Amino acid sequence: MSASSSSSSALRALEIVLLVLGALAAGIVYLTVPTDKLPSFMRQIPHLSGHRSRRGLAGVVGGAILLLGGIAAFARSD
């Protein structure tokens, strides 16, 4: 294994970890922060104070699927 393929593999692992953490974090924010308090890039609704449960669940499930996909990719790369 050459040094460039080793660093490429490490970079790919970092990308997968950051993607999974981002999806999980977005899901957790949607589940825990009231809709009128969300950051503007998450499309807050000013007159609604509930939580966006479907989007939160989608983020958490998406993060879990990405995590499983990352684990499968690393298992096959060995």
N, C-alpha and C. Protein backbone atom coordinates (compact mmCIF):
# COMPACT_ATOMS: atom_id res chain seq x y z
N MET A 1 0.84 -1.17 0.00
CA MET A 1 0.00 0.00 0.00
C MET A 1 0.89 1.23 0.00
N SER A 2 0.66 2.13 -0.93
CA SER A 2 1.49 3.32 -1.02
C SER A 2 0.99 4.40 -0.08
N ALA A 3 1.80 5.43 0.11
CA ALA A 3 1.44 6.51 1.03
C ALA A 3 0.24 7.29 0.52
N SER A 4 0.15 7.46 -0.81
CA SER A 4 -0.97 8.23 -1.35
C SER A 4 -2.29 7.49 -1.20
N SER A 5 -2.30 6.17 -1.36
CA SER A 5 -3.55 5.43 -1.18
C SER A 5 -3.94 5.37 0.28
N SER A 6 -2.95 5.37 1.17
CA SER A 6 -3.24 5.38 2.60
C SER A 6 -3.86 6.71 3.01
N SER A 7 -3.31 7.82 2.51
CA SER A 7 -3.88 9.12 2.86
C SER A 7 -5.23 9.32 2.19
N SER A 8 -5.42 8.76 1.01
CA SER A 8 -6.71 8.83 0.34
C SER A 8 -7.77 8.06 1.12
N SER A 9 -7.38 6.93 1.65
CA SER A 9 -8.29 6.13 2.46
C SER A 9 -8.66 6.86 3.76
N ALA A 10 -7.69 7.50 4.37
CA ALA A 10 -7.94 8.26 5.59
C ALA A 10 -8.85 9.45 5.31
N LEU A 11 -8.65 10.11 4.18
CA LEU A 11 -9.49 11.24 3.80
C LEU A 11 -10.92 10.78 3.53
N ARG A 12 -11.06 9.64 2.89
CA ARG A 12 -12.39 9.08 2.62
C ARG A 12 -13.10 8.73 3.93
N ALA A 13 -12.37 8.18 4.88
CA ALA A 13 -12.95 7.85 6.18
C ALA A 13 -13.42 9.11 6.89
N LEU A 14 -12.63 10.17 6.83
CA LEU A 14 -13.00 11.43 7.45
C LEU A 14 -14.27 12.00 6.80
N GLU A 15 -14.37 11.91 5.49
CA GLU A 15 -15.56 12.40 4.78
C GLU A 15 -16.81 11.65 5.23
N ILE A 16 -16.71 10.35 5.35
CA ILE A 16 -17.87 9.54 5.77
C ILE A 16 -18.26 9.89 7.20
N VAL A 17 -17.29 10.03 8.09
CA VAL A 17 -17.59 10.35 9.49
C VAL A 17 -18.26 11.72 9.57
N LEU A 18 -17.76 12.71 8.85
CA LEU A 18 -18.36 14.04 8.89
C LEU A 18 -19.77 14.05 8.30
N LEU A 19 -19.99 13.29 7.25
CA LEU A 19 -21.32 13.20 6.66
C LEU A 19 -22.31 12.57 7.63
N VAL A 20 -21.92 11.50 8.29
CA VAL A 20 -22.79 10.84 9.26
C VAL A 20 -23.09 11.76 10.44
N LEU A 21 -22.06 12.41 10.97
CA LEU A 21 -22.27 13.31 12.10
C LEU A 21 -23.16 14.49 11.72
N GLY A 22 -23.00 15.00 10.51
CA GLY A 22 -23.84 16.10 10.06
C GLY A 22 -25.30 15.71 9.95
N ALA A 23 -25.57 14.55 9.40
CA ALA A 23 -26.96 14.08 9.26
C ALA A 23 -27.58 13.82 10.63
N LEU A 24 -26.82 13.21 11.52
CA LEU A 24 -27.34 12.95 12.87
C LEU A 24 -27.57 14.26 13.63
N ALA A 25 -26.65 15.20 13.51
CA ALA A 25 -26.80 16.48 14.20
C ALA A 25 -28.02 17.25 13.69
N ALA A 26 -28.23 17.25 12.39
CA ALA A 26 -29.40 17.94 11.83
C ALA A 26 -30.68 17.30 12.34
N GLY A 27 -30.73 15.99 12.39
CA GLY A 27 -31.91 15.29 12.91
C GLY A 27 -32.17 15.61 14.37
N ILE A 28 -31.11 15.64 15.15
CA ILE A 28 -31.27 15.94 16.58
C ILE A 28 -31.73 17.38 16.79
N VAL A 29 -31.21 18.31 16.00
CA VAL A 29 -31.65 19.71 16.10
C VAL A 29 -33.12 19.82 15.75
N TYR A 30 -33.54 19.18 14.68
CA TYR A 30 -34.96 19.22 14.31
C TYR A 30 -35.84 18.62 15.40
N LEU A 31 -35.38 17.61 16.09
CA LEU A 31 -36.19 16.97 17.13
C LEU A 31 -36.22 17.75 18.44
N THR A 32 -35.19 18.51 18.75
CA THR A 32 -35.10 19.15 20.05
C THR A 32 -35.40 20.64 20.07
N VAL A 33 -35.22 21.33 18.96
CA VAL A 33 -35.41 22.79 18.93
C VAL A 33 -36.80 23.10 18.39
N PRO A 34 -37.56 23.97 19.08
CA PRO A 34 -38.87 24.35 18.56
C PRO A 34 -38.76 24.99 17.18
N THR A 35 -39.80 24.84 16.39
CA THR A 35 -39.78 25.30 15.00
C THR A 35 -39.52 26.79 14.88
N ASP A 36 -40.05 27.59 15.78
CA ASP A 36 -39.85 29.03 15.67
C ASP A 36 -38.46 29.47 16.13
N LYS A 37 -37.66 28.56 16.68
CA LYS A 37 -36.30 28.88 17.15
C LYS A 37 -35.20 28.26 16.29
N LEU A 38 -35.58 27.57 15.22
CA LEU A 38 -34.58 26.94 14.34
C LEU A 38 -33.72 28.00 13.66
N PRO A 39 -32.48 27.68 13.31
CA PRO A 39 -31.67 28.61 12.52
C PRO A 39 -32.34 28.88 11.18
N SER A 40 -32.07 30.04 10.61
CA SER A 40 -32.76 30.45 9.38
C SER A 40 -32.50 29.50 8.21
N PHE A 41 -31.33 28.87 8.14
CA PHE A 41 -31.06 27.96 7.03
C PHE A 41 -31.83 26.65 7.15
N MET A 42 -32.49 26.42 8.31
CA MET A 42 -33.31 25.22 8.49
C MET A 42 -34.79 25.53 8.33
N ARG A 43 -35.11 26.68 7.78
CA ARG A 43 -36.48 27.08 7.46
C ARG A 43 -37.38 27.15 8.68
N GLN A 44 -37.13 28.14 9.53
CA GLN A 44 -37.99 28.31 10.70
C GLN A 44 -39.37 28.79 10.29
N ILE A 45 -40.36 28.45 11.08
CA ILE A 45 -41.73 28.91 10.87
C ILE A 45 -42.08 29.76 12.08
N PRO A 46 -42.23 31.09 11.91
CA PRO A 46 -42.35 31.99 13.06
C PRO A 46 -43.57 31.76 13.95
N HIS A 47 -44.69 31.36 13.41
CA HIS A 47 -45.92 31.27 14.20
C HIS A 47 -46.24 29.85 14.66
N LEU A 48 -45.30 28.95 14.56
CA LEU A 48 -45.52 27.57 14.98
C LEU A 48 -44.44 27.21 15.99
N SER A 49 -44.85 26.71 17.14
CA SER A 49 -43.86 26.45 18.19
C SER A 49 -43.58 24.96 18.39
N GLY A 50 -44.13 24.09 17.57
CA GLY A 50 -43.90 22.65 17.71
C GLY A 50 -42.53 22.24 17.19
N HIS A 51 -42.32 20.95 17.12
CA HIS A 51 -41.07 20.41 16.59
C HIS A 51 -41.33 19.79 15.23
N ARG A 52 -40.32 19.72 14.40
CA ARG A 52 -40.44 19.09 13.09
C ARG A 52 -40.01 17.64 13.21
N SER A 53 -40.93 16.83 13.68
CA SER A 53 -40.62 15.44 13.99
C SER A 53 -40.26 14.62 12.76
N ARG A 54 -40.98 14.82 11.67
CA ARG A 54 -40.69 14.01 10.47
C ARG A 54 -39.31 14.33 9.91
N ARG A 55 -38.96 15.61 9.87
CA ARG A 55 -37.63 15.96 9.37
C ARG A 55 -36.54 15.47 10.32
N GLY A 56 -36.79 15.57 11.62
CA GLY A 56 -35.83 15.07 12.60
C GLY A 56 -35.62 13.58 12.48
N LEU A 57 -36.72 12.86 12.35
CA LEU A 57 -36.64 11.41 12.20
C LEU A 57 -35.92 11.05 10.89
N ALA A 58 -36.20 11.80 9.83
CA ALA A 58 -35.53 11.55 8.56
C ALA A 58 -34.02 11.79 8.67
N GLY A 59 -33.62 12.82 9.41
CA GLY A 59 -32.20 13.08 9.60
C GLY A 59 -31.50 12.00 10.39
N VAL A 60 -32.14 11.55 11.45
CA VAL A 60 -31.54 10.50 12.28
C VAL A 60 -31.47 9.18 11.52
N VAL A 61 -32.56 8.83 10.82
CA VAL A 61 -32.56 7.60 10.02
C VAL A 61 -31.54 7.69 8.89
N GLY A 62 -31.47 8.85 8.24
CA GLY A 62 -30.47 9.04 7.18
C GLY A 62 -29.05 8.89 7.71
N GLY A 63 -28.79 9.46 8.88
CA GLY A 63 -27.46 9.31 9.49
C GLY A 63 -27.14 7.87 9.82
N ALA A 64 -28.14 7.14 10.32
CA ALA A 64 -27.93 5.72 10.64
C ALA A 64 -27.65 4.91 9.37
N ILE A 65 -28.37 5.21 8.30
CA ILE A 65 -28.15 4.51 7.03
C ILE A 65 -26.76 4.82 6.49
N LEU A 66 -26.35 6.09 6.57
CA LEU A 66 -25.00 6.44 6.12
C LEU A 66 -23.94 5.76 6.98
N LEU A 67 -24.19 5.64 8.28
CA LEU A 67 -23.25 4.96 9.16
C LEU A 67 -23.11 3.50 8.76
N LEU A 68 -24.23 2.83 8.53
CA LEU A 68 -24.17 1.43 8.11
C LEU A 68 -23.48 1.27 6.75
N GLY A 69 -23.75 2.20 5.84
CA GLY A 69 -23.07 2.17 4.55
C GLY A 69 -21.57 2.37 4.67
N GLY A 70 -21.17 3.27 5.57
CA GLY A 70 -19.74 3.48 5.81
C GLY A 70 -19.07 2.25 6.40
N ILE A 71 -19.75 1.62 7.32
CA ILE A 71 -19.19 0.40 7.92
C ILE A 71 -19.05 -0.70 6.86
N ALA A 72 -20.06 -0.83 6.01
CA ALA A 72 -20.01 -1.84 4.95
C ALA A 72 -18.88 -1.54 3.96
N ALA A 73 -18.69 -0.26 3.64
CA ALA A 73 -17.62 0.11 2.70
C ALA A 73 -16.24 -0.21 3.30
N PHE A 74 -16.05 0.05 4.57
CA PHE A 74 -14.76 -0.25 5.20
C PHE A 74 -14.55 -1.75 5.32
N ALA A 75 -15.60 -2.49 5.56
CA ALA A 75 -15.46 -3.94 5.66
C ALA A 75 -15.04 -4.54 4.31
N ARG A 76 -15.55 -3.99 3.24
CA ARG A 76 -15.20 -4.51 1.91
C ARG A 76 -13.82 -4.06 1.45
N SER A 77 -13.33 -2.94 1.97
CA SER A 77 -12.05 -2.41 1.51
C SER A 77 -10.86 -3.21 2.05
N ASP A 78 -11.05 -3.97 3.09
CA ASP A 78 -9.94 -4.76 3.66
C ASP A 78 -9.65 -5.98 2.90
